[in-house]
Amino acid sequence: MNNPTTIQLDKSVVKSLKKIREHPRQTYNELIIHMIEIFKNVKKRNQYDEFLHKIQQPKMKELWDNEDDEAWENA
């Protein structure tokens, strides 16, 4: 660590961090860096999913909102 700082955390947060460590000697710094990487990946994936959903919406509307389907619903 080049420039360590002090941050205040609730004891419950520290307790949770201790529970999720991958090994007992893993530092909180390592753990937080790992959590940040996971968060970035999830955020990227979520943006991709949102993009796919957005581009699929017009086609899904075309497929689902048609007169043939409505005729079957009233049959």
PDB file of N, CA and C in Angstrom:
ATOM      1  N   MET A   1       0.848  -1.179   0.000  1.00  0.00           N
ATOM      2  CA  MET A   1       0.000   0.000   0.000  1.00  0.00           C
ATOM      3  C   MET A   1       0.890   1.237   0.000  1.00  0.00           C
ATOM      4  N   ASN A   2       0.628   2.113  -0.959  1.00  0.00           N
ATOM      5  CA  ASN A   2       1.455   3.311  -1.081  1.00  0.00           C
ATOM      6  C   ASN A   2       1.065   4.397  -0.096  1.00  0.00           C
ATOM      7  N   ASN A   3      -0.190   4.763  -0.083  1.00  0.00           N
ATOM      8  CA  ASN A   3      -0.676   5.839   0.780  1.00  0.00           C
ATOM      9  C   ASN A   3      -1.891   5.370   1.549  1.00  0.00           C
ATOM     10  N   PRO A   4      -1.691   4.655   2.643  1.00  0.00           N
ATOM     11  CA  PRO A   4      -2.855   4.162   3.381  1.00  0.00           C
ATOM     12  C   PRO A   4      -3.650   5.310   4.008  1.00  0.00           C
ATOM     13  N   THR A   5      -4.952   5.091   4.113  1.00  0.00           N
ATOM     14  CA  THR A   5      -5.835   6.055   4.759  1.00  0.00           C
ATOM     15  C   THR A   5      -6.638   5.326   5.823  1.00  0.00           C
ATOM     16  N   THR A   6      -7.337   6.082   6.584  1.00  0.00           N
ATOM     17  CA  THR A   6      -8.208   5.516   7.604  1.00  0.00           C
ATOM     18  C   THR A   6      -9.643   5.833   7.220  1.00  0.00           C
ATOM     19  N   ILE A   7     -10.488   4.814   7.222  1.00  0.00           N
ATOM     20  CA  ILE A   7     -11.909   5.032   6.968  1.00  0.00           C
ATOM     21  C   ILE A   7     -12.687   4.467   8.144  1.00  0.00           C
ATOM     22  N   GLN A   8     -13.821   5.052   8.417  1.00  0.00           N
ATOM     23  CA  GLN A   8     -14.646   4.576   9.510  1.00  0.00           C
ATOM     24  C   GLN A   8     -15.722   3.659   8.959  1.00  0.00           C
ATOM     25  N   LEU A   9     -15.833   2.484   9.566  1.00  0.00           N
ATOM     26  CA  LEU A   9     -16.856   1.516   9.185  1.00  0.00           C
ATOM     27  C   LEU A   9     -17.605   1.079  10.431  1.00  0.00           C
ATOM     28  N   ASP A  10     -18.883   0.813  10.261  1.00  0.00           N
ATOM     29  CA  ASP A  10     -19.641   0.230  11.357  1.00  0.00           C
ATOM     30  C   ASP A  10     -19.084  -1.153  11.660  1.00  0.00           C
ATOM     31  N   LYS A  11     -19.206  -1.559  12.907  1.00  0.00           N
ATOM     32  CA  LYS A  11     -18.711  -2.881  13.286  1.00  0.00           C
ATOM     33  C   LYS A  11     -19.420  -3.985  12.508  1.00  0.00           C
ATOM     34  N   SER A  12     -20.668  -3.766  12.173  1.00  0.00           N
ATOM     35  CA  SER A  12     -21.406  -4.776  11.410  1.00  0.00           C
ATOM     36  C   SER A  12     -20.808  -4.938  10.005  1.00  0.00           C
ATOM     37  N   VAL A  13     -20.304  -3.853   9.433  1.00  0.00           N
ATOM     38  CA  VAL A  13     -19.679  -3.922   8.112  1.00  0.00           C
ATOM     39  C   VAL A  13     -18.372  -4.704   8.200  1.00  0.00           C
ATOM     40  N   VAL A  14     -17.596  -4.431   9.228  1.00  0.00           N
ATOM     41  CA  VAL A  14     -16.337  -5.157   9.417  1.00  0.00           C
ATOM     42  C   VAL A  14     -16.624  -6.649   9.627  1.00  0.00           C
ATOM     43  N   LYS A  15     -17.640  -6.944  10.387  1.00  0.00           N
ATOM     44  CA  LYS A  15     -18.025  -8.334  10.627  1.00  0.00           C
ATOM     45  C   LYS A  15     -18.419  -9.015   9.310  1.00  0.00           C
ATOM     46  N   SER A  16     -19.176  -8.315   8.476  1.00  0.00           N
ATOM     47  CA  SER A  16     -19.572  -8.860   7.175  1.00  0.00           C
ATOM     48  C   SER A  16     -18.363  -9.060   6.271  1.00  0.00           C
ATOM     49  N   LEU A  17     -17.450  -8.114   6.275  1.00  0.00           N
ATOM     50  CA  LEU A  17     -16.235  -8.247   5.475  1.00  0.00           C
ATOM     51  C   LEU A  17     -15.419  -9.468   5.915  1.00  0.00           C
ATOM     52  N   LYS A  18     -15.332  -9.668   7.219  1.00  0.00           N
ATOM     53  CA  LYS A  18     -14.593 -10.835   7.729  1.00  0.00           C
ATOM     54  C   LYS A  18     -15.228 -12.136   7.237  1.00  0.00           C
ATOM     55  N   LYS A  19     -16.550 -12.172   7.162  1.00  0.00           N
ATOM     56  CA  LYS A  19     -17.253 -13.390   6.742  1.00  0.00           C
ATOM     57  C   LYS A  19     -17.030 -13.719   5.276  1.00  0.00           C
ATOM     58  N   ILE A  20     -16.843 -12.707   4.441  1.00  0.00           N
ATOM     59  CA  ILE A  20     -16.757 -12.975   3.003  1.00  0.00           C
ATOM     60  C   ILE A  20     -15.327 -13.066   2.477  1.00  0.00           C
ATOM     61  N   ARG A  21     -14.343 -12.952   3.350  1.00  0.00           N
ATOM     62  CA  ARG A  21     -12.965 -13.089   2.886  1.00  0.00           C
ATOM     63  C   ARG A  21     -12.753 -14.460   2.262  1.00  0.00           C
ATOM     64  N   GLU A  22     -11.889 -14.491   1.247  1.00  0.00           N
ATOM     65  CA  GLU A  22     -11.598 -15.757   0.576  1.00  0.00           C
ATOM     66  C   GLU A  22     -10.625 -16.607   1.370  1.00  0.00           C
ATOM     67  N   HIS A  23      -9.806 -15.973   2.173  1.00  0.00           N
ATOM     68  CA  HIS A  23      -8.900 -16.697   3.066  1.00  0.00           C
ATOM     69  C   HIS A  23      -8.634 -15.808   4.279  1.00  0.00           C
ATOM     70  N   PRO A  24      -8.279 -16.403   5.411  1.00  0.00           N
ATOM     71  CA  PRO A  24      -8.171 -15.627   6.660  1.00  0.00           C
ATOM     72  C   PRO A  24      -7.162 -14.483   6.630  1.00  0.00           C
ATOM     73  N   ARG A  25      -6.132 -14.602   5.803  1.00  0.00           N
ATOM     74  CA  ARG A  25      -5.108 -13.559   5.785  1.00  0.00           C
ATOM     75  C   ARG A  25      -5.357 -12.502   4.709  1.00  0.00           C
ATOM     76  N   GLN A  26      -6.472 -12.598   4.030  1.00  0.00           N
ATOM     77  CA  GLN A  26      -6.803 -11.603   3.011  1.00  0.00           C
ATOM     78  C   GLN A  26      -7.065 -10.264   3.704  1.00  0.00           C
ATOM     79  N   THR A  27      -6.415  -9.222   3.199  1.00  0.00           N
ATOM     80  CA  THR A  27      -6.603  -7.900   3.807  1.00  0.00           C
ATOM     81  C   THR A  27      -7.925  -7.298   3.331  1.00  0.00           C
ATOM     82  N   TYR A  28      -8.391  -6.324   4.096  1.00  0.00           N
ATOM     83  CA  TYR A  28      -9.609  -5.630   3.679  1.00  0.00           C
ATOM     84  C   TYR A  28      -9.355  -4.898   2.366  1.00  0.00           C
ATOM     85  N   ASN A  29      -8.157  -4.379   2.191  1.00  0.00           N
ATOM     86  CA  ASN A  29      -7.805  -3.699   0.952  1.00  0.00           C
ATOM     87  C   ASN A  29      -7.949  -4.647  -0.240  1.00  0.00           C
ATOM     88  N   GLU A  30      -7.407  -5.855  -0.134  1.00  0.00           N
ATOM     89  CA  GLU A  30      -7.527  -6.854  -1.204  1.00  0.00           C
ATOM     90  C   GLU A  30      -8.983  -7.215  -1.450  1.00  0.00           C
ATOM     91  N   LEU A  31      -9.700  -7.386  -0.373  1.00  0.00           N
ATOM     92  CA  LEU A  31     -11.103  -7.758  -0.474  1.00  0.00           C
ATOM     93  C   LEU A  31     -11.917  -6.660  -1.172  1.00  0.00           C
ATOM     94  N   ILE A  32     -11.693  -5.431  -0.803  1.00  0.00           N
ATOM     95  CA  ILE A  32     -12.435  -4.325  -1.405  1.00  0.00           C
ATOM     96  C   ILE A  32     -12.069  -4.176  -2.874  1.00  0.00           C
ATOM     97  N   ILE A  33     -10.798  -4.330  -3.220  1.00  0.00           N
ATOM     98  CA  ILE A  33     -10.392  -4.273  -4.629  1.00  0.00           C
ATOM     99  C   ILE A  33     -11.108  -5.367  -5.417  1.00  0.00           C
ATOM    100  N   HIS A  34     -11.165  -6.558  -4.856  1.00  0.00           N
ATOM    101  CA  HIS A  34     -11.860  -7.672  -5.507  1.00  0.00           C
ATOM    102  C   HIS A  34     -13.355  -7.363  -5.679  1.00  0.00           C
ATOM    103  N   MET A  35     -13.959  -6.807  -4.662  1.00  0.00           N
ATOM    104  CA  MET A  35     -15.376  -6.453  -4.730  1.00  0.00           C
ATOM    105  C   MET A  35     -15.620  -5.380  -5.790  1.00  0.00           C
ATOM    106  N   ILE A  36     -14.718  -4.438  -5.914  1.00  0.00           N
ATOM    107  CA  ILE A  36     -14.845  -3.385  -6.929  1.00  0.00           C
ATOM    108  C   ILE A  36     -14.812  -3.992  -8.324  1.00  0.00           C
ATOM    109  N   GLU A  37     -13.892  -4.934  -8.555  1.00  0.00           N
ATOM    110  CA  GLU A  37     -13.797  -5.588  -9.861  1.00  0.00           C
ATOM    111  C   GLU A  37     -15.081  -6.352 -10.188  1.00  0.00           C
ATOM    112  N   ILE A  38     -15.616  -7.053  -9.208  1.00  0.00           N
ATOM    113  CA  ILE A  38     -16.866  -7.783  -9.407  1.00  0.00           C
ATOM    114  C   ILE A  38     -17.990  -6.799  -9.746  1.00  0.00           C
ATOM    115  N   PHE A  39     -18.060  -5.705  -9.022  1.00  0.00           N
ATOM    116  CA  PHE A  39     -19.089  -4.695  -9.261  1.00  0.00           C
ATOM    117  C   PHE A  39     -18.981  -4.131 -10.679  1.00  0.00           C
ATOM    118  N   LYS A  40     -17.755  -3.822 -11.119  1.00  0.00           N
ATOM    119  CA  LYS A  40     -17.553  -3.293 -12.474  1.00  0.00           C
ATOM    120  C   LYS A  40     -18.042  -4.288 -13.519  1.00  0.00           C
ATOM    121  N   ASN A  41     -17.727  -5.566 -13.344  1.00  0.00           N
ATOM    122  CA  ASN A  41     -18.147  -6.591 -14.300  1.00  0.00           C
ATOM    123  C   ASN A  41     -19.663  -6.741 -14.337  1.00  0.00           C
ATOM    124  N   VAL A  42     -20.277  -6.721 -13.181  1.00  0.00           N
ATOM    125  CA  VAL A  42     -21.738  -6.832 -13.115  1.00  0.00           C
ATOM    126  C   VAL A  42     -22.385  -5.623 -13.781  1.00  0.00           C
ATOM    127  N   LYS A  43     -21.828  -4.457 -13.539  1.00  0.00           N
ATOM    128  CA  LYS A  43     -22.370  -3.237 -14.130  1.00  0.00           C
ATOM    129  C   LYS A  43     -22.257  -3.278 -15.653  1.00  0.00           C
ATOM    130  N   LYS A  44     -21.116  -3.738 -16.172  1.00  0.00           N
ATOM    131  CA  LYS A  44     -20.944  -3.875 -17.620  1.00  0.00           C
ATOM    132  C   LYS A  44     -21.966  -4.840 -18.183  1.00  0.00           C
ATOM    133  N   ARG A  45     -22.126  -5.998 -17.540  1.00  0.00           N
ATOM    134  CA  ARG A  45     -23.063  -7.005 -18.011  1.00  0.00           C
ATOM    135  C   ARG A  45     -24.485  -6.472 -17.985  1.00  0.00           C
ATOM    136  N   ASN A  46     -24.817  -5.728 -16.947  1.00  0.00           N
ATOM    137  CA  ASN A  46     -26.157  -5.162 -16.839  1.00  0.00           C
ATOM    138  C   ASN A  46     -26.403  -4.152 -17.953  1.00  0.00           C
ATOM    139  N   GLN A  47     -25.400  -3.350 -18.281  1.00  0.00           N
ATOM    140  CA  GLN A  47     -25.553  -2.388 -19.377  1.00  0.00           C
ATOM    141  C   GLN A  47     -25.779  -3.130 -20.690  1.00  0.00           C
ATOM    142  N   TYR A  48     -25.075  -4.241 -20.878  1.00  0.00           N
ATOM    143  CA  TYR A  48     -25.245  -5.035 -22.091  1.00  0.00           C
ATOM    144  C   TYR A  48     -26.657  -5.619 -22.151  1.00  0.00           C
ATOM    145  N   ASP A  49     -27.133  -6.146 -21.023  1.00  0.00           N
ATOM    146  CA  ASP A  49     -28.485  -6.693 -20.970  1.00  0.00           C
ATOM    147  C   ASP A  49     -29.528  -5.622 -21.263  1.00  0.00           C
ATOM    148  N   GLU A  50     -29.331  -4.434 -20.707  1.00  0.00           N
ATOM    149  CA  GLU A  50     -30.256  -3.333 -20.967  1.00  0.00           C
ATOM    150  C   GLU A  50     -30.240  -2.954 -22.443  1.00  0.00           C
ATOM    151  N   PHE A  51     -29.057  -2.953 -23.053  1.00  0.00           N
ATOM    152  CA  PHE A  51     -28.932  -2.649 -24.471  1.00  0.00           C
ATOM    153  C   PHE A  51     -29.707  -3.669 -25.301  1.00  0.00           C
ATOM    154  N   LEU A  52     -29.513  -4.967 -24.997  1.00  0.00           N
ATOM    155  CA  LEU A  52     -30.224  -6.010 -25.728  1.00  0.00           C
ATOM    156  C   LEU A  52     -31.730  -5.869 -25.569  1.00  0.00           C
ATOM    157  N   HIS A  53     -32.147  -5.608 -24.359  1.00  0.00           N
ATOM    158  CA  HIS A  53     -33.577  -5.454 -24.096  1.00  0.00           C
ATOM    159  C   HIS A  53     -34.152  -4.293 -24.916  1.00  0.00           C
ATOM    160  N   LYS A  54     -33.403  -3.200 -24.954  1.00  0.00           N
ATOM    161  CA  LYS A  54     -33.874  -2.015 -25.670  1.00  0.00           C
ATOM    162  C   LYS A  54     -34.004  -2.277 -27.171  1.00  0.00           C
ATOM    163  N   ILE A  55     -33.017  -2.974 -27.753  1.00  0.00           N
ATOM    164  CA  ILE A  55     -33.093  -3.202 -29.195  1.00  0.00           C
ATOM    165  C   ILE A  55     -34.100  -4.291 -29.552  1.00  0.00           C
ATOM    166  N   GLN A  56     -34.460  -5.131 -28.595  1.00  0.00           N
ATOM    167  CA  GLN A  56     -35.437  -6.186 -28.852  1.00  0.00           C
ATOM    168  C   GLN A  56     -36.876  -5.686 -28.687  1.00  0.00           C
ATOM    169  N   GLN A  57     -37.080  -4.609 -27.984  1.00  0.00           N
ATOM    170  CA  GLN A  57     -38.431  -4.117 -27.699  1.00  0.00           C
ATOM    171  C   GLN A  57     -39.279  -3.889 -28.945  1.00  0.00           C
ATOM    172  N   PRO A  58     -38.769  -3.215 -29.981  1.00  0.00           N
ATOM    173  CA  PRO A  58     -39.626  -3.001 -31.162  1.00  0.00           C
ATOM    174  C   PRO A  58     -40.069  -4.310 -31.816  1.00  0.00           C
ATOM    175  N   LYS A  59     -39.156  -5.274 -31.926  1.00  0.00           N
ATOM    176  CA  LYS A  59     -39.513  -6.551 -32.554  1.00  0.00           C
ATOM    177  C   LYS A  59     -40.518  -7.309 -31.687  1.00  0.00           C
ATOM    178  N   MET A  60     -40.327  -7.301 -30.385  1.00  0.00           N
ATOM    179  CA  MET A  60     -41.267  -7.987 -29.494  1.00  0.00           C
ATOM    180  C   MET A  60     -42.645  -7.326 -29.572  1.00  0.00           C
ATOM    181  N   LYS A  61     -42.674  -6.009 -29.672  1.00  0.00           N
ATOM    182  CA  LYS A  61     -43.953  -5.316 -29.792  1.00  0.00           C
ATOM    183  C   LYS A  61     -44.637  -5.734 -31.093  1.00  0.00           C
ATOM    184  N   GLU A  62     -43.851  -5.821 -32.164  1.00  0.00           N
ATOM    185  CA  GLU A  62     -44.390  -6.247 -33.457  1.00  0.00           C
ATOM    186  C   GLU A  62     -44.941  -7.667 -33.371  1.00  0.00           C
ATOM    187  N   LEU A  63     -44.228  -8.547 -32.689  1.00  0.00           N
ATOM    188  CA  LEU A  63     -44.658  -9.944 -32.595  1.00  0.00           C
ATOM    189  C   LEU A  63     -45.885 -10.125 -31.704  1.00  0.00           C
ATOM    190  N   TRP A  64     -45.935  -9.386 -30.614  1.00  0.00           N
ATOM    191  CA  TRP A  64     -47.007  -9.592 -29.647  1.00  0.00           C
ATOM    192  C   TRP A  64     -48.242  -8.749 -29.912  1.00  0.00           C
ATOM    193  N   ASP A  65     -48.060  -7.581 -30.494  1.00  0.00           N
ATOM    194  CA  ASP A  65     -49.204  -6.700 -30.748  1.00  0.00           C
ATOM    195  C   ASP A  65     -49.659  -6.838 -32.197  1.00  0.00           C
ATOM    196  N   ASN A  66     -50.333  -7.933 -32.491  1.00  0.00           N
ATOM    197  CA  ASN A  66     -50.840  -8.096 -33.851  1.00  0.00           C
ATOM    198  C   ASN A  66     -52.268  -8.626 -33.802  1.00  0.00           C
ATOM    199  N   GLU A  67     -52.980  -8.442 -34.883  1.00  0.00           N
ATOM    200  CA  GLU A  67     -54.398  -8.782 -34.926  1.00  0.00           C
ATOM    201  C   GLU A  67     -54.649 -10.281 -34.829  1.00  0.00           C
ATOM    202  N   ASP A  68     -53.734 -11.111 -35.350  1.00  0.00           N
ATOM    203  CA  ASP A  68     -53.915 -12.557 -35.290  1.00  0.00           C
ATOM    204  C   ASP A  68     -53.972 -13.046 -33.857  1.00  0.00           C
ATOM    205  N   ASP A  69     -53.079 -12.533 -33.028  1.00  0.00           N
ATOM    206  CA  ASP A  69     -53.090 -12.949 -31.620  1.00  0.00           C
ATOM    207  C   ASP A  69     -54.369 -12.501 -30.933  1.00  0.00           C
ATOM    208  N   GLU A  70     -54.810 -11.297 -31.218  1.00  0.00           N
ATOM    209  CA  GLU A  70     -56.025 -10.784 -30.600  1.00  0.00           C
ATOM    210  C   GLU A  70     -57.243 -11.607 -31.019  1.00  0.00           C
ATOM    211  N   ALA A  71     -57.241 -12.075 -32.252  1.00  0.00           N
ATOM    212  CA  ALA A  71     -58.354 -12.923 -32.736  1.00  0.00           C
ATOM    213  C   ALA A  71     -58.387 -14.231 -31.950  1.00  0.00           C
ATOM    214  N   TRP A  72     -57.224 -14.804 -31.665  1.00  0.00           N
ATOM    215  CA  TRP A  72     -57.165 -16.050 -30.909  1.00  0.00           C
ATOM    216  C   TRP A  72     -57.624 -15.852 -29.479  1.00  0.00           C
ATOM    217  N   GLU A  73     -57.324 -14.687 -28.893  1.00  0.00           N
ATOM    218  CA  GLU A  73     -57.730 -14.411 -27.517  1.00  0.00           C
ATOM    219  C   GLU A  73     -59.249 -14.368 -27.399  1.00  0.00           C
ATOM    220  N   ASN A  74     -59.929 -13.902 -28.440  1.00  0.00           N
ATOM    221  CA  ASN A  74     -61.387 -13.765 -28.405  1.00  0.00           C
ATOM    222  C   ASN A  74     -62.114 -14.997 -28.946  1.00  0.00           C
ATOM    223  N   ALA A  75     -61.366 -16.016 -29.364  1.00  0.00           N
ATOM    224  CA  ALA A  75     -62.000 -17.218 -29.947  1.00  0.00           C
ATOM    225  C   ALA A  75     -62.685 -18.051 -28.898  1.00  0.00           C
TER     226      ALA A  75
END
